[in-house]
């Protein structure tokens, strides 16, 4: 693949060759490693990964920028002219719709940054949001399901507040209960579908102190995931919701558990494993998410592992490279973190 960046961030006009293997990009802070990952993410996923304005991505006093990726026989382009609110998408010089562009793009890009690598030790909401972000790659409709669920949840919470303020009555919850139930079961189905697949995979090759498992922990699991069962759950907890002032059941409260077995006892990995070991565990999870995306969507995963080698010793660096050796992966790092990398390994040096 050939990647070209024109007036994008601090890249004035540069072309790089991206090999469809594990490839390391080496450079100091400020050399453009993360910008390179952002450019690839924009081109491959046809979306804005940072949700900053498109104008802020231009450089050198310019109001426009261009990204191009020659992928097989097709040239994919994202062009921003500074006049419209968002870029236009092109294939082989012809303007096209985003759905058509995404359909023809053979990859889905997983841009993994330092914030992602802290999700195991972070709050439950961080792990939940991370999983949802990854599952969107497998099923783009999941993004719409999530947005619909959050909208219905917010609206139901507003009605609860209005009831507490004596501005509404309980019967006004009925329509939002129905809508929330519809979207909740879709979210639960998609998450369970992934974890059913995931339980058949193995994590025994990570050289960790004991067996590990990653599980979906539902706060209020349903025996039958149906709209009627979730609606009954909402009804059962209505009085509690009115005391607390918000919706207290639903997939927005579920958790992802990372645990390790030591001396026949299962404990959270964040308390038992080192930061480097937790990082390897999460990256192995991400690798399997990519495999799941490929099986479900037919899109090849393109991993963008941004500055992931810090806190990894030589053994875990080699395990990381083994995890991604059969993938298309860009791994960025600083010059002082390359000691454990196997040789030969395809490398791009940024100055």
Protein backbone atom coordinates (compact mmCIF):
# COMPACT_ATOMS: atom_id res chain seq x y z
CA UNK A 1 0.00 0.00 0.00
CA UNK A 2 1.14 3.53 -0.70
CA UNK A 3 0.06 6.30 1.67
CA UNK A 4 0.30 9.98 0.67
CA UNK A 5 -0.29 12.94 3.00
CA UNK A 6 -0.62 16.50 1.70
CA UNK A 7 -0.81 19.45 4.13
CA UNK A 8 -2.10 17.12 6.85
CA UNK A 9 -0.94 18.22 10.33
CA UNK A 10 2.81 18.74 9.96
CA UNK A 11 3.16 16.56 6.84
CA UNK A 12 3.52 19.01 3.97
CA UNK A 13 3.79 16.49 1.15
CA UNK A 14 5.00 12.98 1.89
CA UNK A 15 4.51 9.45 0.58
CA UNK A 16 5.16 6.30 2.62
CA UNK A 17 5.00 2.64 1.66
CA UNK A 18 2.92 0.57 4.07
CA UNK A 19 3.62 -3.13 3.88
CA UNK A 20 0.85 -5.63 4.62
CA UNK A 21 2.88 -7.15 7.47
CA UNK A 22 3.93 -6.13 10.97
CA UNK A 23 5.80 -2.86 10.41
CA UNK A 24 7.46 -0.64 13.02
CA UNK A 25 7.46 3.15 12.75
CA UNK A 26 10.25 4.67 14.85
CA UNK A 27 10.47 8.32 15.80
CA UNK A 28 10.86 10.75 18.68
CA UNK A 29 7.94 12.65 20.20
CA UNK A 30 6.56 15.13 17.68
CA UNK A 31 7.91 13.25 14.66
CA UNK A 32 4.43 12.40 13.36
CA UNK A 33 3.84 8.82 14.52
CA UNK A 34 0.34 9.43 15.89
CA UNK A 35 -0.51 11.68 12.95
CA UNK A 36 0.38 8.82 10.62
CA UNK A 37 -1.99 6.52 12.54
CA UNK A 38 -4.73 9.16 12.42
CA UNK A 39 -4.37 9.56 8.66
CA UNK A 40 -4.66 5.81 8.08
CA UNK A 41 -7.65 5.60 10.42
CA UNK A 42 -9.44 8.40 8.53
CA UNK A 43 -8.78 6.80 5.15
CA UNK A 44 -9.66 3.24 6.13
CA UNK A 45 -12.68 3.87 8.38
CA UNK A 46 -13.98 6.97 6.55
CA UNK A 47 -14.50 8.70 9.88
CA UNK A 48 -12.95 11.26 12.21
CA UNK A 49 -11.30 9.27 15.03
CA UNK A 50 -10.66 12.24 17.32
CA UNK A 51 -13.93 14.09 16.63
CA UNK A 52 -11.97 17.34 16.34
CA UNK A 53 -12.92 19.70 13.54
CA UNK A 54 -11.70 18.74 10.10
CA UNK A 55 -10.22 22.24 9.75
CA UNK A 56 -7.81 21.58 12.62
CA UNK A 57 -6.14 18.85 10.60
CA UNK A 58 -4.75 21.25 8.00
CA UNK A 59 -1.24 22.70 8.32
CA UNK A 60 1.18 25.31 7.08
CA UNK A 61 -1.52 27.97 7.08
CA UNK A 62 -3.53 26.03 4.53
CA UNK A 63 -7.27 25.49 4.65
CA UNK A 64 -7.26 22.20 2.78
CA UNK A 65 -5.59 18.81 3.03
CA UNK A 66 -5.57 15.49 1.19
CA UNK A 67 -4.97 11.86 2.11
CA UNK A 68 -4.54 9.05 -0.41
CA UNK A 69 -4.14 5.30 -0.02
CA UNK A 70 -3.33 3.09 -2.97
CA UNK A 71 -4.78 -0.24 -1.87
CA UNK A 72 -4.50 -2.94 -4.51
CA UNK A 73 -6.03 -1.64 -7.71
CA UNK A 74 -8.11 1.07 -6.03
CA UNK A 75 -6.99 4.55 -4.97
CA UNK A 76 -8.92 5.71 -1.91
CA UNK A 77 -8.89 9.44 -1.16
CA UNK A 78 -10.12 11.83 1.50
CA UNK A 79 -10.02 15.45 0.33
CA UNK A 80 -10.90 18.48 2.46
CA UNK A 81 -11.24 21.78 0.60
CA UNK A 82 -11.76 24.06 3.62
CA UNK A 83 -15.19 25.12 2.35
CA UNK A 84 -17.41 22.19 3.28
CA UNK A 85 -17.82 20.97 6.86
CA UNK A 86 -16.35 17.55 6.13
CA UNK A 87 -14.08 15.93 3.54
CA UNK A 88 -15.24 14.26 0.37
CA UNK A 89 -14.48 10.63 -0.37
CA UNK A 90 -13.09 9.42 -3.68
CA UNK A 91 -12.26 6.12 -5.36
CA UNK A 92 -10.01 6.29 -8.41
CA UNK A 93 -10.52 10.07 -8.71
CA UNK A 94 -14.32 9.74 -8.72
CA UNK A 95 -16.40 11.14 -5.88
CA UNK A 96 -18.48 8.52 -4.10
CA UNK A 97 -20.74 8.11 -1.08
CA UNK A 98 -19.30 7.01 2.25
CA UNK A 99 -21.32 3.74 2.23
CA UNK A 100 -19.91 2.78 -1.17
CA UNK A 101 -16.41 3.81 -0.08
CA UNK A 102 -16.66 1.73 3.11
CA UNK A 103 -18.04 -1.23 1.18
CA UNK A 104 -15.07 -1.30 -1.21
CA UNK A 105 -12.43 -0.68 1.47
CA UNK A 106 -10.99 -4.12 2.34
CA UNK A 107 -9.80 -3.11 5.84
CA UNK A 108 -11.07 -1.87 9.20
CA UNK A 109 -8.53 0.12 11.18
CA UNK A 110 -8.06 -0.41 14.93
CA UNK A 111 -6.21 2.64 16.24
CA UNK A 112 -5.04 1.65 19.73
CA UNK A 113 -3.65 4.54 21.78
CA UNK A 114 -2.22 4.94 25.29
CA UNK A 115 -5.69 5.67 26.76
CA UNK A 116 -6.97 2.34 25.45
CA UNK A 117 -4.13 0.49 27.13
CA UNK A 118 -5.30 1.67 30.54
CA UNK A 119 -8.83 0.31 30.31
CA UNK A 120 -8.11 -2.78 32.44
CA UNK A 121 -7.14 -0.59 35.40
CA UNK A 122 -9.75 2.07 34.63
CA UNK A 123 -13.42 2.45 35.43
CA UNK A 124 -16.09 -0.04 34.26
CA UNK A 125 -17.43 2.60 31.87
CA UNK A 126 -14.03 2.75 30.13
CA UNK A 127 -14.01 -1.00 29.52
CA UNK A 128 -17.64 -0.91 28.39
CA UNK A 129 -17.03 1.96 25.98
CA UNK A 130 -13.88 0.29 24.66
CA UNK A 131 -15.77 -2.91 23.85
CA UNK A 132 -18.57 -0.98 22.14
CA UNK A 133 -16.06 1.00 20.08
CA UNK A 134 -14.43 -2.22 18.89
CA UNK A 135 -17.74 -3.98 18.14
CA UNK A 136 -18.75 -1.14 15.81
CA UNK A 137 -15.98 -2.37 13.50
CA UNK A 138 -17.62 -5.80 13.28
CA UNK A 139 -21.12 -4.47 12.73
CA UNK A 140 -21.49 -0.80 11.66
CA UNK A 141 -25.18 -0.99 12.55
CA UNK A 142 -24.09 -1.48 16.17
CA UNK A 143 -23.06 2.18 16.26
CA UNK A 144 -26.64 3.17 15.38
CA UNK A 145 -28.02 0.74 17.97
CA UNK A 146 -25.78 2.25 20.65
CA UNK A 147 -26.75 5.82 19.76
CA UNK A 148 -30.44 4.92 19.78
CA UNK A 149 -30.08 3.24 23.16
CA UNK A 150 -28.26 6.23 24.69
CA UNK A 151 -30.86 8.64 23.29
CA UNK A 152 -33.74 6.61 24.74
CA UNK A 153 -31.88 6.27 28.07
CA UNK A 154 -31.27 10.02 28.31
CA UNK A 155 -34.92 10.75 27.50
CA UNK A 156 -36.17 8.26 30.09
CA UNK A 157 -33.89 9.80 32.72
CA UNK A 158 -35.30 13.24 31.90
CA UNK A 159 -38.83 11.94 32.47
CA UNK A 160 -37.74 10.49 35.83
CA UNK A 161 -36.42 13.90 36.85
CA UNK A 162 -39.65 15.52 35.70
CA UNK A 163 -41.64 13.08 37.84
CA UNK A 164 -39.47 13.94 40.84
CA UNK A 165 -40.05 17.63 40.11
CA UNK A 166 -43.83 17.00 40.00
CA UNK A 167 -43.88 18.01 36.33
CA UNK A 168 -44.80 14.57 34.96
CA UNK A 169 -46.53 11.35 36.02
CA UNK A 170 -45.38 7.73 35.99
CA UNK A 171 -47.48 6.80 32.98
CA UNK A 172 -45.26 9.05 30.85
CA UNK A 173 -42.45 6.50 31.32
CA UNK A 174 -44.38 3.92 29.34
CA UNK A 175 -43.38 4.94 25.82
CA UNK A 176 -39.73 5.38 26.78
CA UNK A 177 -39.73 2.00 28.53
CA UNK A 178 -40.89 0.39 25.30
CA UNK A 179 -38.29 2.18 23.19
CA UNK A 180 -35.46 1.58 25.65
CA UNK A 181 -36.32 -2.13 25.80
CA UNK A 182 -36.19 -2.41 22.02
CA UNK A 183 -32.68 -1.00 21.80
CA UNK A 184 -31.39 -2.62 25.01
CA UNK A 185 -32.01 -6.15 23.75
CA UNK A 186 -30.17 -5.33 20.52
CA UNK A 187 -27.13 -4.13 22.49
CA UNK A 188 -27.21 -7.22 24.71
CA UNK A 189 -27.54 -9.55 21.72
CA UNK A 190 -24.49 -8.05 19.97
CA UNK A 191 -22.32 -8.21 23.09
CA UNK A 192 -23.36 -11.77 23.91
CA UNK A 193 -22.77 -12.80 20.31
CA UNK A 194 -19.15 -11.66 20.55
CA UNK A 195 -18.47 -13.25 23.94
CA UNK A 196 -20.03 -16.55 22.82
CA UNK A 197 -17.50 -16.53 19.98
CA UNK A 198 -14.69 -15.31 22.24
CA UNK A 199 -15.05 -18.16 24.77
CA UNK A 200 -13.93 -20.57 22.05
CA UNK A 201 -10.61 -18.74 21.64
CA UNK A 202 -7.41 -19.34 23.63
CA UNK A 203 -5.25 -16.98 25.70
CA UNK A 204 -2.87 -19.68 26.96
CA UNK A 205 0.14 -18.48 24.95
CA UNK A 206 0.80 -15.18 26.75
CA UNK A 207 3.36 -16.36 29.33
CA UNK A 208 1.29 -15.01 32.23
CA UNK A 209 1.45 -16.27 35.86
CA UNK A 210 -1.80 -18.25 35.49
CA UNK A 211 -4.84 -18.90 33.30
CA UNK A 212 -6.79 -15.77 32.37
CA UNK A 213 -10.36 -15.13 31.33
CA UNK A 214 -12.27 -12.16 29.96
CA UNK A 215 -16.00 -12.13 30.55
CA UNK A 216 -19.06 -9.95 30.07
CA UNK A 217 -20.56 -9.28 33.50
CA UNK A 218 -24.18 -8.21 33.13
CA UNK A 219 -25.56 -6.33 36.12
CA UNK A 220 -29.06 -7.76 35.61
CA UNK A 221 -28.75 -10.80 33.30
CA UNK A 222 -31.87 -11.96 31.50
CA UNK A 223 -32.61 -15.66 30.97
CA UNK A 224 -34.34 -14.72 27.75
CA UNK A 225 -33.14 -11.60 25.97
CA UNK A 226 -36.44 -10.31 24.70
CA UNK A 227 -38.12 -6.95 24.63
CA UNK A 228 -40.84 -8.25 26.93
CA UNK A 229 -38.36 -9.51 29.56
CA UNK A 230 -36.41 -6.24 29.60
CA UNK A 231 -39.64 -4.27 29.81
CA UNK A 232 -40.61 -6.33 32.86
CA UNK A 233 -37.19 -5.61 34.39
CA UNK A 234 -37.71 -1.87 33.90
CA UNK A 235 -41.13 -2.09 35.49
CA UNK A 236 -39.78 -4.01 38.50
CA UNK A 237 -37.14 -1.33 39.11
CA UNK A 238 -39.29 1.75 38.50
CA UNK A 239 -39.64 2.63 42.18
CA UNK A 240 -35.92 2.28 42.71
CA UNK A 241 -35.27 4.48 39.65
CA UNK A 242 -37.51 7.15 41.14
CA UNK A 243 -35.56 7.05 44.41
CA UNK A 244 -32.13 7.17 42.72
CA UNK A 245 -33.21 9.64 40.04
CA UNK A 246 -32.05 7.66 36.99
CA UNK A 247 -32.41 4.33 35.17
CA UNK A 248 -30.72 1.64 37.28
CA UNK A 249 -30.95 -1.35 34.92
CA UNK A 250 -29.65 -1.89 31.41
CA UNK A 251 -26.50 -2.62 29.39
CA UNK A 252 -25.10 0.85 30.20
CA UNK A 253 -24.23 -0.63 33.62
CA UNK A 254 -22.59 -3.87 32.49
CA UNK A 255 -18.90 -4.63 33.04
CA UNK A 256 -16.06 -6.51 31.35
CA UNK A 257 -14.05 -8.63 33.76
CA UNK A 258 -10.33 -9.43 33.26
CA UNK A 259 -9.25 -12.06 35.78
CA UNK A 260 -6.36 -14.46 36.44
CA UNK A 261 -6.25 -17.69 38.43
CA UNK A 262 -3.50 -17.85 41.08
CA UNK A 263 -3.50 -20.68 43.64
CA UNK A 264 -6.98 -21.80 42.50
CA UNK A 265 -8.41 -18.33 43.16
CA UNK A 266 -9.66 -15.99 40.43
CA UNK A 267 -8.70 -12.34 40.98
CA UNK A 268 -8.86 -9.15 38.86
CA UNK A 269 -5.75 -8.92 36.72
CA UNK A 270 -5.31 -5.22 37.56
CA UNK A 271 -4.36 -6.23 41.12
CA UNK A 272 -2.24 -9.29 40.25
CA UNK A 273 -0.48 -8.73 36.93
CA UNK A 274 2.14 -6.10 36.18
CA UNK A 275 1.31 -3.19 33.89
CA UNK A 276 3.25 -4.87 31.12
CA UNK A 277 1.37 -8.15 31.57
CA UNK A 278 -1.99 -6.36 31.59
CA UNK A 279 -0.95 -4.58 28.42
CA UNK A 280 -0.13 -7.88 26.69
CA UNK A 281 -3.46 -9.34 27.84
CA UNK A 282 -5.40 -6.39 26.44
CA UNK A 283 -3.49 -6.47 23.14
CA UNK A 284 -4.22 -10.19 22.82
CA UNK A 285 -7.89 -9.34 23.37
CA UNK A 286 -7.66 -6.68 20.65
CA UNK A 287 -6.01 -9.16 18.29
CA UNK A 288 -8.97 -11.53 18.79
CA UNK A 289 -11.41 -8.65 18.29
CA UNK A 290 -9.75 -8.13 14.92
CA UNK A 291 -10.20 -11.81 14.10
CA UNK A 292 -13.87 -11.53 15.05
CA UNK A 293 -14.32 -8.48 12.83
CA UNK A 294 -12.78 -10.36 9.90
CA UNK A 295 -15.07 -13.36 10.41
CA UNK A 296 -18.24 -11.26 10.81
CA UNK A 297 -17.66 -8.47 8.29
CA UNK A 298 -15.13 -9.91 5.84
CA UNK A 299 -12.92 -6.85 6.41
CA UNK A 300 -9.26 -7.44 7.24
CA UNK A 301 -8.11 -5.79 10.48
CA UNK A 302 -5.44 -3.12 10.12
CA UNK A 303 -3.95 -2.57 13.57
CA UNK A 304 -2.44 0.81 14.47
CA UNK A 305 -0.61 0.19 17.75
CA UNK A 306 0.47 3.66 18.82
CA UNK A 307 3.41 3.73 21.26
CA UNK A 308 2.66 0.35 22.86
CA UNK A 309 6.18 -0.88 23.67
CA UNK A 310 6.79 1.13 26.85
CA UNK A 311 6.61 -1.01 30.03
CA UNK A 312 7.21 -4.20 28.01
CA UNK A 313 10.36 -6.23 28.65
CA UNK A 314 12.09 -8.21 25.91
CA UNK A 315 10.02 -11.37 26.48
CA UNK A 316 6.69 -9.55 26.31
CA UNK A 317 7.80 -7.49 23.32
CA UNK A 318 8.49 -10.73 21.48
CA UNK A 319 5.09 -12.13 22.53
CA UNK A 320 3.47 -8.96 21.19
CA UNK A 321 5.24 -9.35 17.86
CA UNK A 322 4.15 -13.00 17.69
CA UNK A 323 0.53 -11.96 18.33
CA UNK A 324 0.53 -9.62 15.33
CA UNK A 325 3.09 -11.25 13.05
CA UNK A 326 0.46 -12.55 10.61
CA UNK A 327 -1.45 -9.24 10.40
CA UNK A 328 -1.23 -5.87 8.71
CA UNK A 329 0.01 -3.79 11.64
CA UNK A 330 1.67 -0.43 12.15
CA UNK A 331 3.44 -0.34 15.51
CA UNK A 332 4.85 3.06 16.49
CA UNK A 333 7.56 3.50 19.08
CA UNK A 334 10.37 5.74 20.24
CA UNK A 335 14.01 4.88 19.43
CA UNK A 336 14.79 3.84 23.03
CA UNK A 337 12.04 1.17 23.04
CA UNK A 338 13.24 -0.94 20.10
CA UNK A 339 15.70 -3.21 21.92
CA UNK A 340 13.36 -6.20 22.24
CA UNK A 341 12.10 -6.17 18.65
CA UNK A 342 13.00 -9.21 16.54
CA UNK A 343 15.30 -8.73 13.57
CA UNK A 344 14.64 -8.54 10.68
CA UNK A 345 11.48 -6.47 11.00
CA UNK A 346 10.14 -3.98 8.47
CA UNK A 347 10.81 -0.47 9.78
CA UNK A 348 10.02 3.14 8.87
CA UNK A 349 12.13 5.86 10.46
CA UNK A 350 10.60 9.29 11.01
CA UNK A 351 12.81 12.30 11.63
